[in-house]
N, C-alpha and C. Protein backbone atom coordinates (compact mmCIF):
# COMPACT_ATOMS: atom_id res chain seq x y z
N MET A 1 123.60 152.57 95.53
CA MET A 1 122.54 151.58 95.65
C MET A 1 121.77 151.89 96.93
N ALA A 2 120.48 151.90 96.84
CA ALA A 2 119.64 152.17 98.00
C ALA A 2 119.86 151.08 99.05
N PRO A 3 119.79 151.45 100.33
CA PRO A 3 120.06 150.48 101.39
C PRO A 3 119.22 149.20 101.28
N ASP A 4 117.95 149.33 100.93
CA ASP A 4 117.13 148.12 100.82
C ASP A 4 117.59 147.24 99.67
N LEU A 5 118.05 147.84 98.57
CA LEU A 5 118.55 147.05 97.44
C LEU A 5 119.87 146.37 97.81
N LEU A 6 120.69 147.06 98.58
CA LEU A 6 121.95 146.46 99.03
C LEU A 6 121.66 145.20 99.83
N MET A 7 120.72 145.26 100.74
CA MET A 7 120.39 144.10 101.55
C MET A 7 119.85 142.97 100.69
N TYR A 8 119.05 143.30 99.68
CA TYR A 8 118.54 142.27 98.78
C TYR A 8 119.70 141.59 98.04
N GLU A 9 120.65 142.38 97.58
CA GLU A 9 121.78 141.83 96.85
C GLU A 9 122.61 140.91 97.75
N VAL A 10 122.88 141.35 98.97
CA VAL A 10 123.67 140.54 99.89
C VAL A 10 122.91 139.27 100.26
N ALA A 11 121.63 139.41 100.58
CA ALA A 11 120.81 138.24 100.94
C ALA A 11 120.77 137.25 99.77
N ASN A 12 120.65 137.76 98.56
CA ASN A 12 120.63 136.90 97.39
C ASN A 12 121.95 136.15 97.24
N ALA A 13 123.05 136.86 97.37
CA ALA A 13 124.37 136.22 97.25
C ALA A 13 124.56 135.15 98.32
N LEU A 14 124.19 135.46 99.55
CA LEU A 14 124.33 134.49 100.63
C LEU A 14 123.45 133.27 100.41
N SER A 15 122.25 133.48 99.86
CA SER A 15 121.33 132.36 99.66
C SER A 15 121.86 131.36 98.64
N TYR A 16 122.76 131.80 97.77
CA TYR A 16 123.33 130.90 96.78
C TYR A 16 124.57 130.16 97.30
N HIS A 17 125.01 130.51 98.49
CA HIS A 17 126.19 129.86 99.07
C HIS A 17 125.75 128.52 99.66
N PRO A 18 126.14 127.42 99.04
CA PRO A 18 125.62 126.11 99.46
C PRO A 18 126.03 125.68 100.87
N ALA A 19 127.12 126.23 101.38
CA ALA A 19 127.59 125.79 102.69
C ALA A 19 126.92 126.53 103.85
N LEU A 20 126.15 127.59 103.54
CA LEU A 20 125.53 128.38 104.61
C LEU A 20 124.13 127.86 104.93
N SER A 21 123.87 127.74 106.22
CA SER A 21 122.52 127.39 106.65
C SER A 21 121.67 128.65 106.70
N VAL A 22 120.37 128.49 106.82
CA VAL A 22 119.47 129.64 106.93
C VAL A 22 119.84 130.47 108.16
N ASP A 23 120.17 129.81 109.26
CA ASP A 23 120.55 130.54 110.48
C ASP A 23 121.84 131.35 110.26
N GLU A 24 122.79 130.78 109.53
CA GLU A 24 124.03 131.51 109.26
C GLU A 24 123.77 132.72 108.37
N ILE A 25 122.89 132.56 107.40
CA ILE A 25 122.54 133.69 106.55
C ILE A 25 121.90 134.79 107.38
N LYS A 26 121.00 134.43 108.26
CA LYS A 26 120.36 135.43 109.13
C LYS A 26 121.40 136.13 110.00
N GLU A 27 122.34 135.38 110.56
CA GLU A 27 123.40 135.97 111.40
C GLU A 27 124.25 136.95 110.58
N ASP A 28 124.60 136.54 109.37
CA ASP A 28 125.42 137.40 108.52
C ASP A 28 124.70 138.69 108.16
N LEU A 29 123.43 138.60 107.84
CA LEU A 29 122.66 139.81 107.50
C LEU A 29 122.51 140.71 108.72
N GLU A 30 122.28 140.13 109.89
CA GLU A 30 122.18 140.93 111.11
C GLU A 30 123.50 141.63 111.40
N ALA A 31 124.62 140.93 111.19
CA ALA A 31 125.94 141.53 111.40
C ALA A 31 126.16 142.70 110.44
N LEU A 32 125.72 142.56 109.21
CA LEU A 32 125.85 143.64 108.24
C LEU A 32 125.04 144.86 108.68
N LEU A 33 123.83 144.62 109.13
CA LEU A 33 122.98 145.72 109.59
C LEU A 33 123.58 146.42 110.81
N MET A 34 124.26 145.69 111.65
CA MET A 34 124.87 146.27 112.84
C MET A 34 126.04 147.20 112.51
N LEU A 35 126.60 147.07 111.32
CA LEU A 35 127.71 147.95 110.92
C LEU A 35 127.27 149.39 110.78
N ASP A 36 125.99 149.60 110.58
CA ASP A 36 125.42 150.95 110.45
C ASP A 36 126.20 151.78 109.43
N LEU A 37 126.32 151.22 108.23
CA LEU A 37 127.06 151.88 107.15
C LEU A 37 126.29 153.08 106.61
N ASP A 38 127.02 154.10 106.25
CA ASP A 38 126.44 155.23 105.54
C ASP A 38 126.52 154.94 104.05
N LEU A 39 125.38 154.85 103.42
CA LEU A 39 125.34 154.60 101.98
C LEU A 39 125.05 155.90 101.26
N ILE A 40 125.86 156.18 100.26
CA ILE A 40 125.75 157.44 99.53
C ILE A 40 125.24 157.14 98.12
N GLN A 41 124.25 157.90 97.70
CA GLN A 41 123.71 157.74 96.35
C GLN A 41 124.80 158.09 95.35
N PRO A 42 125.06 157.25 94.35
CA PRO A 42 126.13 157.54 93.39
C PRO A 42 125.78 158.72 92.48
N SER A 43 126.81 159.46 92.12
CA SER A 43 126.63 160.59 91.21
C SER A 43 126.44 160.07 89.79
N SER A 44 125.96 160.94 88.92
CA SER A 44 125.78 160.54 87.52
C SER A 44 127.12 160.22 86.88
N GLY A 45 128.17 160.96 87.23
CA GLY A 45 129.50 160.68 86.69
C GLY A 45 130.02 159.31 87.10
N PHE A 46 129.73 158.93 88.33
CA PHE A 46 130.14 157.62 88.82
C PHE A 46 129.42 156.51 88.06
N VAL A 47 128.12 156.68 87.86
CA VAL A 47 127.33 155.68 87.14
C VAL A 47 127.79 155.58 85.69
N LEU A 48 128.10 156.72 85.07
CA LEU A 48 128.60 156.69 83.69
C LEU A 48 129.95 155.98 83.61
N SER A 49 130.79 156.19 84.60
CA SER A 49 132.09 155.51 84.66
C SER A 49 131.90 154.00 84.77
N ILE A 50 130.93 153.59 85.57
CA ILE A 50 130.63 152.17 85.73
C ILE A 50 130.21 151.56 84.39
N ALA A 51 129.30 152.24 83.69
CA ALA A 51 128.83 151.74 82.40
C ALA A 51 129.97 151.68 81.39
N GLU A 52 130.80 152.70 81.37
CA GLU A 52 131.93 152.73 80.45
C GLU A 52 132.89 151.56 80.71
N ASP A 53 133.22 151.33 81.99
CA ASP A 53 134.14 150.25 82.32
C ASP A 53 133.52 148.88 82.08
N ALA A 54 132.21 148.76 82.23
CA ALA A 54 131.54 147.49 81.94
C ALA A 54 131.79 147.10 80.48
N ARG A 55 131.67 148.08 79.60
CA ARG A 55 131.95 147.84 78.18
C ARG A 55 133.44 147.59 77.95
N LYS A 56 134.26 148.42 78.57
CA LYS A 56 135.71 148.34 78.38
C LYS A 56 136.26 146.96 78.75
N TYR A 57 135.78 146.41 79.86
CA TYR A 57 136.29 145.12 80.34
C TYR A 57 135.39 143.93 80.01
N SER A 58 134.27 144.18 79.35
CA SER A 58 133.30 143.13 79.03
C SER A 58 132.85 142.38 80.28
N VAL A 59 132.42 143.16 81.27
CA VAL A 59 131.91 142.61 82.52
C VAL A 59 130.53 143.21 82.78
N SER A 60 129.83 142.67 83.76
CA SER A 60 128.53 143.21 84.11
C SER A 60 128.67 144.58 84.77
N VAL A 61 127.61 145.32 84.75
CA VAL A 61 127.59 146.61 85.44
C VAL A 61 127.82 146.39 86.94
N TYR A 62 127.28 145.30 87.47
CA TYR A 62 127.50 144.99 88.89
C TYR A 62 128.99 144.84 89.17
N ASP A 63 129.69 144.03 88.37
CA ASP A 63 131.12 143.85 88.58
C ASP A 63 131.88 145.15 88.37
N SER A 64 131.48 145.89 87.35
CA SER A 64 132.13 147.16 87.06
C SER A 64 131.99 148.15 88.21
N SER A 65 130.87 148.08 88.92
CA SER A 65 130.67 149.02 90.04
C SER A 65 131.72 148.80 91.13
N TYR A 66 132.15 147.56 91.32
CA TYR A 66 133.18 147.29 92.33
C TYR A 66 134.53 147.84 91.88
N ILE A 67 134.80 147.77 90.60
CA ILE A 67 136.04 148.33 90.05
C ILE A 67 136.04 149.85 90.22
N ALA A 68 134.92 150.47 89.89
CA ALA A 68 134.81 151.92 90.03
C ALA A 68 134.96 152.35 91.49
N LEU A 69 134.39 151.59 92.38
CA LEU A 69 134.52 151.90 93.81
C LEU A 69 135.97 151.78 94.26
N ALA A 70 136.67 150.77 93.77
CA ALA A 70 138.09 150.63 94.09
C ALA A 70 138.87 151.84 93.60
N LYS A 71 138.52 152.32 92.40
CA LYS A 71 139.20 153.51 91.86
C LYS A 71 139.00 154.73 92.75
N VAL A 72 137.74 155.03 93.08
CA VAL A 72 137.47 156.27 93.83
C VAL A 72 137.92 156.20 95.27
N THR A 73 138.13 155.00 95.80
CA THR A 73 138.61 154.88 97.18
C THR A 73 140.11 154.57 97.23
N SER A 74 140.76 154.57 96.07
CA SER A 74 142.19 154.26 95.98
C SER A 74 142.52 152.96 96.71
N SER A 75 141.72 151.95 96.44
CA SER A 75 141.93 150.65 97.08
C SER A 75 141.92 149.57 96.01
N SER A 76 141.96 148.33 96.44
CA SER A 76 141.95 147.19 95.52
C SER A 76 140.65 146.42 95.68
N LEU A 77 140.24 145.79 94.61
CA LEU A 77 139.13 144.86 94.63
C LEU A 77 139.73 143.47 94.77
N ILE A 78 139.35 142.77 95.81
CA ILE A 78 139.82 141.41 96.02
C ILE A 78 138.66 140.49 95.68
N THR A 79 138.90 139.58 94.74
CA THR A 79 137.82 138.73 94.24
C THR A 79 138.24 137.27 94.20
N ALA A 80 137.26 136.40 94.28
CA ALA A 80 137.49 134.97 94.08
C ALA A 80 137.04 134.57 92.67
N ASP A 81 136.58 135.54 91.91
CA ASP A 81 136.07 135.31 90.56
C ASP A 81 137.23 135.41 89.56
N ARG A 82 137.73 134.25 89.13
CA ARG A 82 138.89 134.21 88.23
C ARG A 82 138.58 134.90 86.90
N THR A 83 137.37 134.73 86.38
CA THR A 83 137.01 135.35 85.11
C THR A 83 137.04 136.87 85.23
N LEU A 84 136.47 137.40 86.30
CA LEU A 84 136.50 138.84 86.52
C LEU A 84 137.95 139.32 86.62
N TYR A 85 138.76 138.61 87.36
CA TYR A 85 140.17 138.98 87.50
C TYR A 85 140.86 139.03 86.14
N GLU A 86 140.69 137.98 85.34
CA GLU A 86 141.36 137.92 84.04
C GLU A 86 140.93 139.06 83.13
N LYS A 87 139.65 139.40 83.17
CA LYS A 87 139.14 140.46 82.30
C LYS A 87 139.58 141.85 82.74
N THR A 88 139.87 142.03 84.02
CA THR A 88 140.12 143.37 84.56
C THR A 88 141.51 143.57 85.13
N LYS A 89 142.35 142.57 85.08
CA LYS A 89 143.67 142.70 85.72
C LYS A 89 144.49 143.85 85.14
N LYS A 90 144.24 144.21 83.88
CA LYS A 90 145.00 145.31 83.28
C LYS A 90 144.68 146.66 83.94
N ALA A 91 143.57 146.72 84.67
CA ALA A 91 143.23 147.96 85.39
C ALA A 91 144.17 148.17 86.58
N GLY A 92 144.81 147.10 87.05
CA GLY A 92 145.74 147.21 88.16
C GLY A 92 145.08 147.37 89.51
N LEU A 93 143.80 147.11 89.59
CA LEU A 93 143.06 147.30 90.84
C LEU A 93 142.54 146.00 91.43
N VAL A 94 142.66 144.91 90.69
CA VAL A 94 141.99 143.67 91.07
C VAL A 94 143.03 142.62 91.49
N LEU A 95 142.77 142.01 92.64
CA LEU A 95 143.62 140.95 93.15
C LEU A 95 142.79 139.70 93.35
N MET A 96 143.40 138.54 93.14
CA MET A 96 142.71 137.28 93.39
C MET A 96 142.79 136.96 94.89
N LEU A 97 141.69 136.51 95.43
CA LEU A 97 141.63 136.20 96.86
C LEU A 97 142.67 135.17 97.25
N ASP A 98 142.85 134.12 96.45
CA ASP A 98 143.80 133.08 96.81
C ASP A 98 145.25 133.52 96.67
N GLU A 99 145.49 134.68 96.07
CA GLU A 99 146.84 135.21 95.94
C GLU A 99 147.08 136.41 96.86
N TYR A 100 146.03 136.83 97.54
CA TYR A 100 146.12 138.01 98.40
C TYR A 100 146.90 137.67 99.66
N ASP A 101 147.84 138.52 99.99
CA ASP A 101 148.63 138.36 101.20
C ASP A 101 148.78 139.72 101.85
N ASP A 102 148.07 139.88 102.98
CA ASP A 102 148.17 141.20 103.59
C ASP A 102 149.28 141.18 104.58
């Protein structure tokens, strides 16, 4: 995802959080920008994997992209989305936030 699109997605998600004020959203976005993350354009194979898993698990391409990222980084996806968890738990990569214990 292009850096500008990433910021749009994050800003959009934060704007829907009812408990956050406009100032808190601005602080959160500034903190994200300060991380100076290196964003890498996804390969065609990665995008095809995302599309395949979206169909396999009956989830959005957006949700599937997080699963694919967990796969390629050998990590887990921690989510508060119970529906996403239920649909993808058989992948063995998804944990519920309220059950996560590090």
